[in-house]
PDB file of N, CA and C in Angstrom:
ATOM      1  N   UNK A   1      99.196 114.952 125.077  1.00  0.00           N
ATOM      2  CA  UNK A   1      98.805 114.724 123.298  1.00  0.00           C
ATOM      3  C   UNK A   1      99.757 115.745 122.385  1.00  0.00           C
ATOM      4  N   UNK A   2      99.546 116.946 122.419  1.00  0.00           N
ATOM      5  CA  UNK A   2      99.917 118.382 121.750  1.00  0.00           C
ATOM      6  C   UNK A   2     101.292 118.449 121.758  1.00  0.00           C
ATOM      7  N   UNK A   3     102.164 118.103 122.773  1.00  0.00           N
ATOM      8  CA  UNK A   3     103.729 118.289 122.590  1.00  0.00           C
ATOM      9  C   UNK A   3     104.193 116.918 122.116  1.00  0.00           C
ATOM     10  N   UNK A   4     103.339 115.632 121.995  1.00  0.00           N
ATOM     11  CA  UNK A   4     103.916 114.842 121.398  1.00  0.00           C
ATOM     12  C   UNK A   4     103.681 114.963 119.969  1.00  0.00           C
ATOM     13  N   UNK A   5     102.420 115.439 119.516  1.00  0.00           N
ATOM     14  CA  UNK A   5     102.596 115.851 118.112  1.00  0.00           C
ATOM     15  C   UNK A   5     103.831 117.004 117.625  1.00  0.00           C
ATOM     16  N   UNK A   6     103.580 117.429 118.355  1.00  0.00           N
ATOM     17  CA  UNK A   6     104.958 118.910 118.254  1.00  0.00           C
ATOM     18  C   UNK A   6     105.857 118.140 117.849  1.00  0.00           C
ATOM     19  N   UNK A   7     106.408 117.261 118.963  1.00  0.00           N
ATOM     20  CA  UNK A   7     107.764 116.642 119.362  1.00  0.00           C
ATOM     21  C   UNK A   7     108.075 116.177 117.978  1.00  0.00           C
ATOM     22  N   UNK A   8     107.171 115.338 117.207  1.00  0.00           N
ATOM     23  CA  UNK A   8     107.109 114.377 116.188  1.00  0.00           C
ATOM     24  C   UNK A   8     107.574 115.247 115.123  1.00  0.00           C
ATOM     25  N   UNK A   9     106.571 116.274 114.587  1.00  0.00           N
ATOM     26  CA  UNK A   9     107.354 117.275 113.734  1.00  0.00           C
ATOM     27  C   UNK A   9     108.178 117.801 113.659  1.00  0.00           C
ATOM     28  N   UNK A  10     108.809 117.942 115.158  1.00  0.00           N
ATOM     29  CA  UNK A  10     110.152 118.930 115.226  1.00  0.00           C
ATOM     30  C   UNK A  10     111.115 117.860 115.077  1.00  0.00           C
ATOM     31  N   UNK A  11     110.973 116.864 115.336  1.00  0.00           N
ATOM     32  CA  UNK A  11     112.317 115.688 114.625  1.00  0.00           C
ATOM     33  C   UNK A  11     111.960 115.002 113.481  1.00  0.00           C
ATOM     34  N   UNK A  12     111.045 115.612 113.059  1.00  0.00           N
ATOM     35  CA  UNK A  12     110.711 114.716 111.501  1.00  0.00           C
ATOM     36  C   UNK A  12     111.450 115.990 110.460  1.00  0.00           C
ATOM     37  N   UNK A  13     111.100 116.993 110.904  1.00  0.00           N
ATOM     38  CA  UNK A  13     111.884 118.788 110.297  1.00  0.00           C
ATOM     39  C   UNK A  13     113.613 118.610 110.621  1.00  0.00           C
ATOM     40  N   UNK A  14     113.829 117.767 111.469  1.00  0.00           N
ATOM     41  CA  UNK A  14     115.231 117.507 111.882  1.00  0.00           C
ATOM     42  C   UNK A  14     115.978 116.238 110.837  1.00  0.00           C
ATOM     43  N   UNK A  15     115.068 115.526 110.909  1.00  0.00           N
ATOM     44  CA  UNK A  15     115.270 114.643 109.921  1.00  0.00           C
ATOM     45  C   UNK A  15     115.735 114.802 108.670  1.00  0.00           C
ATOM     46  N   UNK A  16     114.354 115.271 108.244  1.00  0.00           N
ATOM     47  CA  UNK A  16     114.540 115.972 106.856  1.00  0.00           C
ATOM     48  C   UNK A  16     115.734 116.725 106.262  1.00  0.00           C
ATOM     49  N   UNK A  17     116.461 117.590 107.471  1.00  0.00           N
ATOM     50  CA  UNK A  17     117.457 118.245 107.026  1.00  0.00           C
ATOM     51  C   UNK A  17     119.042 117.468 107.023  1.00  0.00           C
ATOM     52  N   UNK A  18     118.784 115.988 107.330  1.00  0.00           N
ATOM     53  CA  UNK A  18     119.832 115.344 107.216  1.00  0.00           C
ATOM     54  C   UNK A  18     119.901 114.184 106.138  1.00  0.00           C
ATOM     55  N   UNK A  19     118.742 114.609 105.272  1.00  0.00           N
ATOM     56  CA  UNK A  19     118.225 113.818 103.709  1.00  0.00           C
ATOM     57  C   UNK A  19     119.465 114.332 103.115  1.00  0.00           C
ATOM     58  N   UNK A  20     119.969 113.367 102.344  1.00  0.00           N
ATOM     59  CA  UNK A  20     120.682 113.782 100.859  1.00  0.00           C
ATOM     60  C   UNK A  20     119.853 113.977  99.637  1.00  0.00           C
ATOM     61  N   UNK A  21     119.566 115.112  99.396  1.00  0.00           N
ATOM     62  CA  UNK A  21     118.504 115.838  98.281  1.00  0.00           C
ATOM     63  C   UNK A  21     118.985 115.487  96.727  1.00  0.00           C
ATOM     64  N   UNK A  22     118.639 114.721  95.777  1.00  0.00           N
ATOM     65  CA  UNK A  22     119.012 114.887  94.636  1.00  0.00           C
ATOM     66  C   UNK A  22     118.865 116.209  94.078  1.00  0.00           C
ATOM     67  N   UNK A  23     120.103 116.495  93.211  1.00  0.00           N
ATOM     68  CA  UNK A  23     119.962 117.665  92.410  1.00  0.00           C
ATOM     69  C   UNK A  23     119.054 117.851  91.375  1.00  0.00           C
ATOM     70  N   UNK A  24     118.292 119.099  91.315  1.00  0.00           N
ATOM     71  CA  UNK A  24     117.144 119.114  89.983  1.00  0.00           C
ATOM     72  C   UNK A  24     117.590 118.086  88.630  1.00  0.00           C
ATOM     73  N   UNK A  25     119.024 118.130  87.928  1.00  0.00           N
ATOM     74  CA  UNK A  25     119.008 117.701  86.949  1.00  0.00           C
ATOM     75  C   UNK A  25     119.311 116.003  87.219  1.00  0.00           C
ATOM     76  N   UNK A  26     119.390 115.409  88.405  1.00  0.00           N
ATOM     77  CA  UNK A  26     119.876 114.314  88.823  1.00  0.00           C
ATOM     78  C   UNK A  26     118.245 113.668  89.026  1.00  0.00           C
ATOM     79  N   UNK A  27     117.406 114.409  89.597  1.00  0.00           N
ATOM     80  CA  UNK A  27     115.726 113.868  90.118  1.00  0.00           C
ATOM     81  C   UNK A  27     115.319 113.679  88.294  1.00  0.00           C
ATOM     82  N   UNK A  28     115.658 114.835  87.141  1.00  0.00           N
ATOM     83  CA  UNK A  28     115.025 114.731  86.038  1.00  0.00           C
ATOM     84  C   UNK A  28     115.452 113.655  85.385  1.00  0.00           C
ATOM     85  N   UNK A  29     117.005 113.219  85.495  1.00  0.00           N
ATOM     86  CA  UNK A  29     117.282 112.456  84.882  1.00  0.00           C
ATOM     87  C   UNK A  29     117.099 110.720  85.290  1.00  0.00           C
ATOM     88  N   UNK A  30     116.865 110.773  86.614  1.00  0.00           N
ATOM     89  CA  UNK A  30     116.096 109.434  87.182  1.00  0.00           C
ATOM     90  C   UNK A  30     114.279 109.263  86.320  1.00  0.00           C
ATOM     91  N   UNK A  31     113.866 109.951  86.684  1.00  0.00           N
ATOM     92  CA  UNK A  31     112.598 110.417  86.196  1.00  0.00           C
ATOM     93  C   UNK A  31     112.292 110.238  84.947  1.00  0.00           C
ATOM     94  N   UNK A  32     113.155 110.025  84.405  1.00  0.00           N
ATOM     95  CA  UNK A  32     113.236 109.530  82.703  1.00  0.00           C
ATOM     96  C   UNK A  32     113.354 108.197  82.724  1.00  0.00           C
ATOM     97  N   UNK A  33     114.441 108.012  83.255  1.00  0.00           N
ATOM     98  CA  UNK A  33     115.197 106.233  83.076  1.00  0.00           C
ATOM     99  C   UNK A  33     114.061 105.910  84.014  1.00  0.00           C
ATOM    100  N   UNK A  34     113.082 105.936  84.770  1.00  0.00           N
ATOM    101  CA  UNK A  34     111.801 105.193  85.439  1.00  0.00           C
ATOM    102  C   UNK A  34     110.846 104.804  84.138  1.00  0.00           C
ATOM    103  N   UNK A  35     110.433 106.068  83.635  1.00  0.00           N
ATOM    104  CA  UNK A  35     109.364 106.188  82.982  1.00  0.00           C
ATOM    105  C   UNK A  35     109.691 105.434  81.705  1.00  0.00           C
ATOM    106  N   UNK A  36     111.096 105.655  81.068  1.00  0.00           N
ATOM    107  CA  UNK A  36     111.363 104.870  79.742  1.00  0.00           C
ATOM    108  C   UNK A  36     111.245 103.310  80.048  1.00  0.00           C
ATOM    109  N   UNK A  37     111.858 102.922  81.321  1.00  0.00           N
ATOM    110  CA  UNK A  37     111.866 101.780  82.099  1.00  0.00           C
ATOM    111  C   UNK A  37     110.247 100.827  81.592  1.00  0.00           C
ATOM    112  N   UNK A  38     109.317 101.581  82.185  1.00  0.00           N
ATOM    113  CA  UNK A  38     107.824 101.657  82.310  1.00  0.00           C
ATOM    114  C   UNK A  38     107.546 101.410  81.039  1.00  0.00           C
ATOM    115  N   UNK A  39     107.578 102.594  80.054  1.00  0.00           N
ATOM    116  CA  UNK A  39     107.463 102.264  78.770  1.00  0.00           C
ATOM    117  C   UNK A  39     107.585 100.854  78.058  1.00  0.00           C
ATOM    118  N   UNK A  40     108.968 100.894  78.732  1.00  0.00           N
ATOM    119  CA  UNK A  40     109.643  99.218  77.624  1.00  0.00           C
ATOM    120  C   UNK A  40     108.992  98.576  78.088  1.00  0.00           C
ATOM    121  N   UNK A  41     108.675  98.342  79.838  1.00  0.00           N
ATOM    122  CA  UNK A  41     108.314  96.945  79.962  1.00  0.00           C
ATOM    123  C   UNK A  41     107.010  96.654  80.006  1.00  0.00           C
ATOM    124  N   UNK A  42     106.153  97.854  79.435  1.00  0.00           N
ATOM    125  CA  UNK A  42     104.457  97.999  79.123  1.00  0.00           C
ATOM    126  C   UNK A  42     104.538  97.511  77.556  1.00  0.00           C
ATOM    127  N   UNK A  43     105.519  97.915  76.766  1.00  0.00           N
ATOM    128  CA  UNK A  43     105.461  97.032  75.262  1.00  0.00           C
ATOM    129  C   UNK A  43     105.592  96.015  75.618  1.00  0.00           C
ATOM    130  N   UNK A  44     106.641  95.420  75.753  1.00  0.00           N
ATOM    131  CA  UNK A  44     107.364  94.352  75.879  1.00  0.00           C
ATOM    132  C   UNK A  44     105.529  92.850  76.501  1.00  0.00           C
ATOM    133  N   UNK A  45     105.387  93.264  77.731  1.00  0.00           N
ATOM    134  CA  UNK A  45     103.970  92.614  77.991  1.00  0.00           C
ATOM    135  C   UNK A  45     103.062  92.805  77.266  1.00  0.00           C
ATOM    136  N   UNK A  46     102.885  93.891  76.911  1.00  0.00           N
ATOM    137  CA  UNK A  46     101.365  93.996  75.518  1.00  0.00           C
ATOM    138  C   UNK A  46     101.979  93.468  74.290  1.00  0.00           C
ATOM    139  N   UNK A  47     103.271  93.544  74.174  1.00  0.00           N
ATOM    140  CA  UNK A  47     103.649  92.226  72.679  1.00  0.00           C
ATOM    141  C   UNK A  47     102.982  91.097  73.321  1.00  0.00           C
ATOM    142  N   UNK A  48     103.712  90.041  74.239  1.00  0.00           N
ATOM    143  CA  UNK A  48     103.078  88.744  74.152  1.00  0.00           C
ATOM    144  C   UNK A  48     102.041  88.747  74.797  1.00  0.00           C
ATOM    145  N   UNK A  49     101.113  89.590  75.356  1.00  0.00           N
ATOM    146  CA  UNK A  49     100.002  89.613  75.597  1.00  0.00           C
ATOM    147  C   UNK A  49      99.165  89.229  74.537  1.00  0.00           C
ATOM    148  N   UNK A  50      99.599  90.073  73.376  1.00  0.00           N
ATOM    149  CA  UNK A  50      98.933  89.978  71.850  1.00  0.00           C
ATOM    150  C   UNK A  50      99.326  88.815  71.316  1.00  0.00           C
ATOM    151  N   UNK A  51     100.545  88.305  71.321  1.00  0.00           N
ATOM    152  CA  UNK A  51     101.125  87.162  70.682  1.00  0.00           C
ATOM    153  C   UNK A  51     100.291  85.940  71.351  1.00  0.00           C
ATOM    154  N   UNK A  52     100.206  85.670  72.516  1.00  0.00           N
ATOM    155  CA  UNK A  52      99.768  84.644  73.017  1.00  0.00           C
ATOM    156  C   UNK A  52      98.170  84.496  73.013  1.00  0.00           C
ATOM    157  N   UNK A  53      97.526  85.782  72.910  1.00  0.00           N
ATOM    158  CA  UNK A  53      96.177  85.731  72.574  1.00  0.00           C
ATOM    159  C   UNK A  53      95.886  85.492  70.992  1.00  0.00           C
ATOM    160  N   UNK A  54      96.619  85.574  70.354  1.00  0.00           N
ATOM    161  CA  UNK A  54      96.145  85.486  68.741  1.00  0.00           C
ATOM    162  C   UNK A  54      96.554  83.540  68.861  1.00  0.00           C
ATOM    163  N   UNK A  55      97.373  83.192  69.584  1.00  0.00           N
ATOM    164  CA  UNK A  55      97.884  82.045  69.240  1.00  0.00           C
ATOM    165  C   UNK A  55      96.482  81.384  70.131  1.00  0.00           C
ATOM    166  N   UNK A  56      96.242  81.534  71.062  1.00  0.00           N
ATOM    167  CA  UNK A  56      94.993  80.617  71.974  1.00  0.00           C
ATOM    168  C   UNK A  56      94.170  80.696  70.579  1.00  0.00           C
ATOM    169  N   UNK A  57      93.529  82.056  69.927  1.00  0.00           N
ATOM    170  CA  UNK A  57      92.712  82.016  69.547  1.00  0.00           C
ATOM    171  C   UNK A  57      92.899  81.348  68.272  1.00  0.00           C
ATOM    172  N   UNK A  58      94.020  81.247  67.491  1.00  0.00           N
ATOM    173  CA  UNK A  58      94.182  80.244  66.494  1.00  0.00           C
ATOM    174  C   UNK A  58      94.034  78.888  67.277  1.00  0.00           C
ATOM    175  N   UNK A  59      94.172  78.544  68.173  1.00  0.00           N
ATOM    176  CA  UNK A  59      93.891  76.777  68.540  1.00  0.00           C
ATOM    177  C   UNK A  59      92.706  77.105  68.863  1.00  0.00           C
ATOM    178  N   UNK A  60      91.859  77.709  68.775  1.00  0.00           N
ATOM    179  CA  UNK A  60      90.464  77.509  69.723  1.00  0.00           C
ATOM    180  C   UNK A  60      89.630  77.380  68.486  1.00  0.00           C
ATOM    181  N   UNK A  61      90.032  78.272  67.275  1.00  0.00           N
ATOM    182  CA  UNK A  61      89.306  78.209  66.200  1.00  0.00           C
ATOM    183  C   UNK A  61      89.555  77.151  65.188  1.00  0.00           C
ATOM    184  N   UNK A  62      90.199  76.596  65.738  1.00  0.00           N
ATOM    185  CA  UNK A  62      90.580  75.075  64.503  1.00  0.00           C
ATOM    186  C   UNK A  62      89.467  74.033  64.610  1.00  0.00           C
TER     187      UNK A  62
END
């Protein structure tokens, strides 16, 4: 069992060497893009949630 675990980690280490890792600048740029899209989507959905909530309240209170 221990030899299988050891072999797994050795193979995983070998595969990590084949990965084409992004540069630091590219990783930062992509992270900023993901955060900006997430914030934009949150604002978009939040606005429509607020809008539809107010529309429903106005219909219910009539």
